[in-house]
């Protein structure tokens, strides 16, 4: 963590012990299971500190530790898995509470001895019930005026997705999202279809404000459908990005 001897901080020890120079792009690139042996587990006695960050808001959720097996299991399960120093075993965050951390990406620092984990929380990250182990994030109500005014624009979808995730985990009484989930995936899919039709009709015969309203309904129900399948909006965006990258320059 931080710069090593010599101050460059951009070194990689391979299994043979030799040192390789990392470019800035390599230092921050997402890790894959095949990269595990390139990490410097020796410095921390077989453990790497893993900082977990909310993929939607950027908030730091918690700090844990991973050994090689925990890191491999995180990739395999799609949920964040730590090595618990107090329990002396692997520990999947949420294994008791159900508040898992959906793994999106893992990056390493320049010395390859610290991990930055990008995750989507399916409930409070802290055992005390707070959103993070460093206290609560600003509430949805506090964020809403800023986001609605255009302060973060499209980032509001990430906030809304987190709220839907909390409704899925907690199923609070009186919540429309909770009622919709209780009716099952077929009903959620039906609502997406209905809202899609209403968007099309509004585009043909209604005002701009009506079209915006129906589009908002469609986006909300689509987010619920995705989360009910444990899928994230980020995966949809990644698919769009990969399609764009695959097209020749100048084509739509």
Protein backbone atom coordinates (compact mmCIF):
# COMPACT_ATOMS: atom_id res chain seq x y z
CA UNK A 1 0.00 0.00 0.00
CA UNK A 2 1.61 3.26 -1.11
CA UNK A 3 5.02 3.57 -2.68
CA UNK A 4 7.56 0.85 -1.93
CA UNK A 5 11.31 1.22 -1.53
CA UNK A 6 12.65 3.47 -4.24
CA UNK A 7 9.43 5.50 -4.19
CA UNK A 8 8.05 4.41 -7.57
CA UNK A 9 5.32 2.17 -6.18
CA UNK A 10 4.88 0.54 -9.60
CA UNK A 11 6.35 -2.91 -9.12
CA UNK A 12 4.98 -6.41 -9.52
CA UNK A 13 6.54 -9.48 -7.98
CA UNK A 14 5.76 -12.60 -9.98
CA UNK A 15 5.84 -16.13 -8.60
CA UNK A 16 9.55 -16.39 -9.29
CA UNK A 17 10.26 -13.34 -7.14
CA UNK A 18 11.41 -11.06 -9.92
CA UNK A 19 10.14 -7.50 -10.10
CA UNK A 20 8.18 -6.21 -13.06
CA UNK A 21 7.42 -2.57 -13.76
CA UNK A 22 3.72 -1.72 -13.91
CA UNK A 23 2.32 0.99 -16.12
CA UNK A 24 -0.33 3.31 -14.58
CA UNK A 25 -2.95 1.49 -16.66
CA UNK A 26 -1.91 -1.90 -15.26
CA UNK A 27 -1.82 -0.61 -11.69
CA UNK A 28 -5.51 0.37 -11.79
CA UNK A 29 -6.82 -2.26 -14.19
CA UNK A 30 -9.53 -4.69 -12.99
CA UNK A 31 -8.15 -7.97 -11.68
CA UNK A 32 -9.13 -11.40 -12.97
CA UNK A 33 -8.77 -14.82 -11.29
CA UNK A 34 -5.59 -15.45 -13.26
CA UNK A 35 -3.97 -12.39 -11.65
CA UNK A 36 -4.17 -13.66 -8.06
CA UNK A 37 -0.65 -15.11 -7.95
CA UNK A 38 0.83 -11.80 -9.13
CA UNK A 39 -0.29 -10.02 -5.94
CA UNK A 40 2.05 -9.38 -3.01
CA UNK A 41 0.49 -11.49 -0.25
CA UNK A 42 3.85 -11.96 1.48
CA UNK A 43 4.06 -8.44 2.87
CA UNK A 44 0.93 -8.89 5.03
CA UNK A 45 1.47 -12.47 6.14
CA UNK A 46 -0.76 -13.90 3.42
CA UNK A 47 -3.47 -11.25 3.70
CA UNK A 48 -4.27 -8.15 1.65
CA UNK A 49 -6.37 -5.26 3.00
CA UNK A 50 -9.51 -4.91 0.88
CA UNK A 51 -11.27 -1.55 0.82
CA UNK A 52 -14.89 -1.99 -0.28
CA UNK A 53 -16.51 0.89 -2.17
CA UNK A 54 -20.15 1.36 -3.14
CA UNK A 55 -20.15 1.16 -6.94
CA UNK A 56 -23.12 3.53 -7.21
CA UNK A 57 -22.18 6.30 -4.78
CA UNK A 58 -18.42 5.92 -4.31
CA UNK A 59 -18.84 5.69 -0.52
CA UNK A 60 -16.31 3.56 1.36
CA UNK A 61 -18.36 0.78 2.96
CA UNK A 62 -15.85 -1.19 5.00
CA UNK A 63 -12.35 -2.62 5.28
CA UNK A 64 -11.69 -6.35 5.31
CA UNK A 65 -8.86 -8.74 4.52
CA UNK A 66 -8.49 -11.35 1.80
CA UNK A 67 -6.12 -14.25 1.38
CA UNK A 68 -5.72 -16.02 -1.95
CA UNK A 69 -8.67 -18.34 -1.31
CA UNK A 70 -10.99 -15.50 -0.27
CA UNK A 71 -10.12 -13.59 -3.42
CA UNK A 72 -10.66 -16.66 -5.60
CA UNK A 73 -14.01 -17.35 -3.91
CA UNK A 74 -15.09 -13.74 -4.39
CA UNK A 75 -14.60 -14.15 -8.14
CA UNK A 76 -16.29 -17.56 -8.15
CA UNK A 77 -19.37 -16.59 -6.10
CA UNK A 78 -19.88 -13.04 -7.38
CA UNK A 79 -20.13 -11.88 -3.76
CA UNK A 80 -17.39 -10.39 -1.61
CA UNK A 81 -15.64 -13.00 0.56
CA UNK A 82 -13.10 -12.11 3.24
CA UNK A 83 -10.75 -14.04 5.47
CA UNK A 84 -11.96 -13.39 9.01
CA UNK A 85 -9.00 -13.00 11.34
CA UNK A 86 -11.20 -13.48 14.41
CA UNK A 87 -12.96 -16.60 13.08
CA UNK A 88 -9.88 -17.98 11.34
CA UNK A 89 -11.87 -18.91 8.21
CA UNK A 90 -13.42 -17.57 5.04
CA UNK A 91 -16.38 -15.29 5.70
CA UNK A 92 -18.82 -14.20 3.03
CA UNK A 93 -20.26 -10.80 3.90
CA UNK A 94 -24.00 -11.35 4.39
CA UNK A 95 -23.82 -15.07 5.09
CA UNK A 96 -25.89 -14.54 8.25
CA UNK A 97 -27.78 -11.29 7.59
CA UNK A 98 -28.45 -11.79 3.88
CA UNK A 99 -26.91 -8.37 3.19
CA UNK A 100 -24.41 -9.56 0.61
CA UNK A 101 -21.98 -7.38 -1.29
CA UNK A 102 -22.49 -8.03 -5.00
CA UNK A 103 -19.02 -8.01 -6.56
CA UNK A 104 -18.56 -5.81 -9.62
CA UNK A 105 -14.78 -5.34 -9.89
CA UNK A 106 -11.52 -5.60 -7.94
CA UNK A 107 -8.49 -3.42 -8.56
CA UNK A 108 -5.07 -3.31 -6.98
CA UNK A 109 -2.83 -0.42 -6.06
CA UNK A 110 0.58 0.30 -7.59
CA UNK A 111 2.41 -2.05 -5.19
CA UNK A 112 -0.17 -4.83 -5.68
CA UNK A 113 -0.54 -5.26 -1.91
CA UNK A 114 -3.92 -3.54 -1.40
CA UNK A 115 -7.29 -4.19 -3.04
CA UNK A 116 -10.08 -1.80 -3.99
CA UNK A 117 -13.34 -3.73 -4.26
CA UNK A 118 -16.24 -2.20 -6.18
CA UNK A 119 -19.49 -3.71 -4.93
CA UNK A 120 -23.20 -3.18 -4.77
CA UNK A 121 -24.54 -3.60 -1.19
CA UNK A 122 -27.77 -5.53 -0.78
CA UNK A 123 -28.42 -3.90 2.58
CA UNK A 124 -26.48 -2.21 5.39
CA UNK A 125 -22.76 -2.94 5.20
CA UNK A 126 -22.20 -2.69 8.95
CA UNK A 127 -23.35 -5.19 11.60
CA UNK A 128 -24.66 -2.19 13.55
CA UNK A 129 -27.21 -1.56 10.78
CA UNK A 130 -25.59 1.52 9.27
CA UNK A 131 -24.99 1.87 5.54
CA UNK A 132 -21.21 1.82 6.04
CA UNK A 133 -18.85 0.78 8.84
CA UNK A 134 -17.97 4.47 9.11
CA UNK A 135 -21.55 5.60 9.76
CA UNK A 136 -24.53 6.18 7.52
CA UNK A 137 -24.29 7.66 4.05
CA UNK A 138 -26.53 10.67 3.37
CA UNK A 139 -30.11 9.45 3.24
CA UNK A 140 -32.05 9.17 0.02
CA UNK A 141 -34.17 12.10 1.17
CA UNK A 142 -31.05 14.22 1.66
CA UNK A 143 -29.66 13.31 -1.75
CA UNK A 144 -32.89 13.69 -3.70
CA UNK A 145 -33.07 17.51 -4.02
CA UNK A 146 -29.44 17.71 -5.18
CA UNK A 147 -29.86 14.89 -7.67
CA UNK A 148 -33.23 16.14 -8.92
CA UNK A 149 -31.70 19.54 -9.59
CA UNK A 150 -29.20 17.95 -11.94
CA UNK A 151 -26.33 17.87 -9.43
CA UNK A 152 -25.39 14.33 -10.36
CA UNK A 153 -27.68 13.65 -13.30
CA UNK A 154 -27.62 10.02 -14.34
CA UNK A 155 -26.06 9.06 -10.99
CA UNK A 156 -29.57 9.16 -9.51
CA UNK A 157 -30.24 5.80 -11.18
CA UNK A 158 -27.52 4.29 -8.99
CA UNK A 159 -29.12 5.75 -5.87
CA UNK A 160 -32.53 4.45 -6.92
CA UNK A 161 -31.04 1.02 -7.62
CA UNK A 162 -29.61 0.94 -4.09
CA UNK A 163 -32.99 1.86 -2.62
CA UNK A 164 -34.62 -0.96 -4.60
CA UNK A 165 -31.93 -3.32 -3.27
CA UNK A 166 -32.80 -2.29 0.29
CA UNK A 167 -36.48 -2.89 -0.37
CA UNK A 168 -35.64 -6.37 -1.68
CA UNK A 169 -33.61 -7.15 1.44
CA UNK A 170 -35.98 -5.65 4.02
CA UNK A 171 -39.46 -5.95 2.41
CA UNK A 172 -40.91 -3.06 4.49
CA UNK A 173 -44.65 -2.93 4.98
CA UNK A 174 -46.38 -0.37 2.76
CA UNK A 175 -43.63 -0.35 0.12
CA UNK A 176 -44.86 -0.58 -3.48
CA UNK A 177 -41.57 -2.20 -4.46
CA UNK A 178 -41.99 -4.86 -1.77
CA UNK A 179 -45.58 -5.56 -2.88
CA UNK A 180 -44.47 -5.87 -6.50
CA UNK A 181 -41.69 -8.28 -5.55
CA UNK A 182 -44.14 -10.39 -3.56
CA UNK A 183 -46.18 -10.91 -6.74
CA UNK A 184 -43.24 -12.63 -8.42
CA UNK A 185 -41.14 -12.18 -11.55
CA UNK A 186 -44.01 -12.69 -14.00
CA UNK A 187 -45.89 -9.71 -12.57
CA UNK A 188 -42.74 -7.56 -12.61
CA UNK A 189 -42.10 -8.53 -16.23
CA UNK A 190 -45.73 -7.74 -17.08
CA UNK A 191 -45.34 -4.26 -15.56
CA UNK A 192 -42.23 -3.65 -17.67
CA UNK A 193 -44.20 -4.64 -20.77
CA UNK A 194 -47.13 -2.40 -19.82
CA UNK A 195 -44.89 0.57 -19.16
CA UNK A 196 -43.07 0.01 -22.46
CA UNK A 197 -46.36 0.17 -24.32
CA UNK A 198 -47.34 3.33 -22.45
CA UNK A 199 -44.03 4.95 -23.41
CA UNK A 200 -44.66 4.12 -27.07
CA UNK A 201 -48.21 5.49 -26.94
CA UNK A 202 -47.06 8.66 -25.18
CA UNK A 203 -44.41 9.19 -27.85
CA UNK A 204 -47.09 9.14 -30.54
CA UNK A 205 -50.02 10.95 -28.96
CA UNK A 206 -49.06 12.67 -25.70
CA UNK A 207 -47.13 15.70 -24.46
CA UNK A 208 -43.42 15.73 -23.71
CA UNK A 209 -44.16 15.78 -19.97
CA UNK A 210 -46.32 12.68 -20.32
CA UNK A 211 -43.58 10.91 -22.28
CA UNK A 212 -41.03 11.79 -19.58
CA UNK A 213 -43.33 10.48 -16.86
CA UNK A 214 -43.99 7.19 -18.63
CA UNK A 215 -40.27 6.79 -19.34
CA UNK A 216 -39.54 7.24 -15.64
CA UNK A 217 -42.07 4.50 -14.83
CA UNK A 218 -40.43 2.19 -17.35
CA UNK A 219 -36.93 2.78 -15.99
CA UNK A 220 -38.07 2.16 -12.42
CA UNK A 221 -39.79 -1.13 -13.23
CA UNK A 222 -36.84 -2.25 -15.34
CA UNK A 223 -34.52 -1.65 -12.36
CA UNK A 224 -36.82 -3.72 -10.15
CA UNK A 225 -36.84 -6.53 -12.72
CA UNK A 226 -33.05 -6.53 -12.98
CA UNK A 227 -32.54 -6.54 -9.21
CA UNK A 228 -35.10 -9.32 -8.78
CA UNK A 229 -32.75 -11.40 -10.95
CA UNK A 230 -29.68 -10.20 -8.97
CA UNK A 231 -28.56 -8.22 -12.02
CA UNK A 232 -27.29 -4.65 -12.00
CA UNK A 233 -27.79 -1.68 -14.27
CA UNK A 234 -24.00 -1.51 -14.51
CA UNK A 235 -24.02 -4.80 -16.41
CA UNK A 236 -26.47 -3.34 -18.91
CA UNK A 237 -24.26 -0.28 -19.32
CA UNK A 238 -21.21 -2.52 -19.77
CA UNK A 239 -23.02 -4.41 -22.51
CA UNK A 240 -23.83 -1.16 -24.31
CA UNK A 241 -20.23 -0.03 -23.94
CA UNK A 242 -18.88 -3.30 -25.33
CA UNK A 243 -21.19 -3.08 -28.33
CA UNK A 244 -20.07 0.49 -28.98
CA UNK A 245 -16.40 -0.47 -28.69
CA UNK A 246 -16.87 -3.30 -31.18
CA UNK A 247 -18.29 -1.03 -33.89
CA UNK A 248 -16.06 0.64 -36.48
CA UNK A 249 -15.44 4.34 -35.90
CA UNK A 250 -18.18 6.56 -37.27
CA UNK A 251 -20.99 3.99 -37.02
CA UNK A 252 -23.86 4.13 -34.52
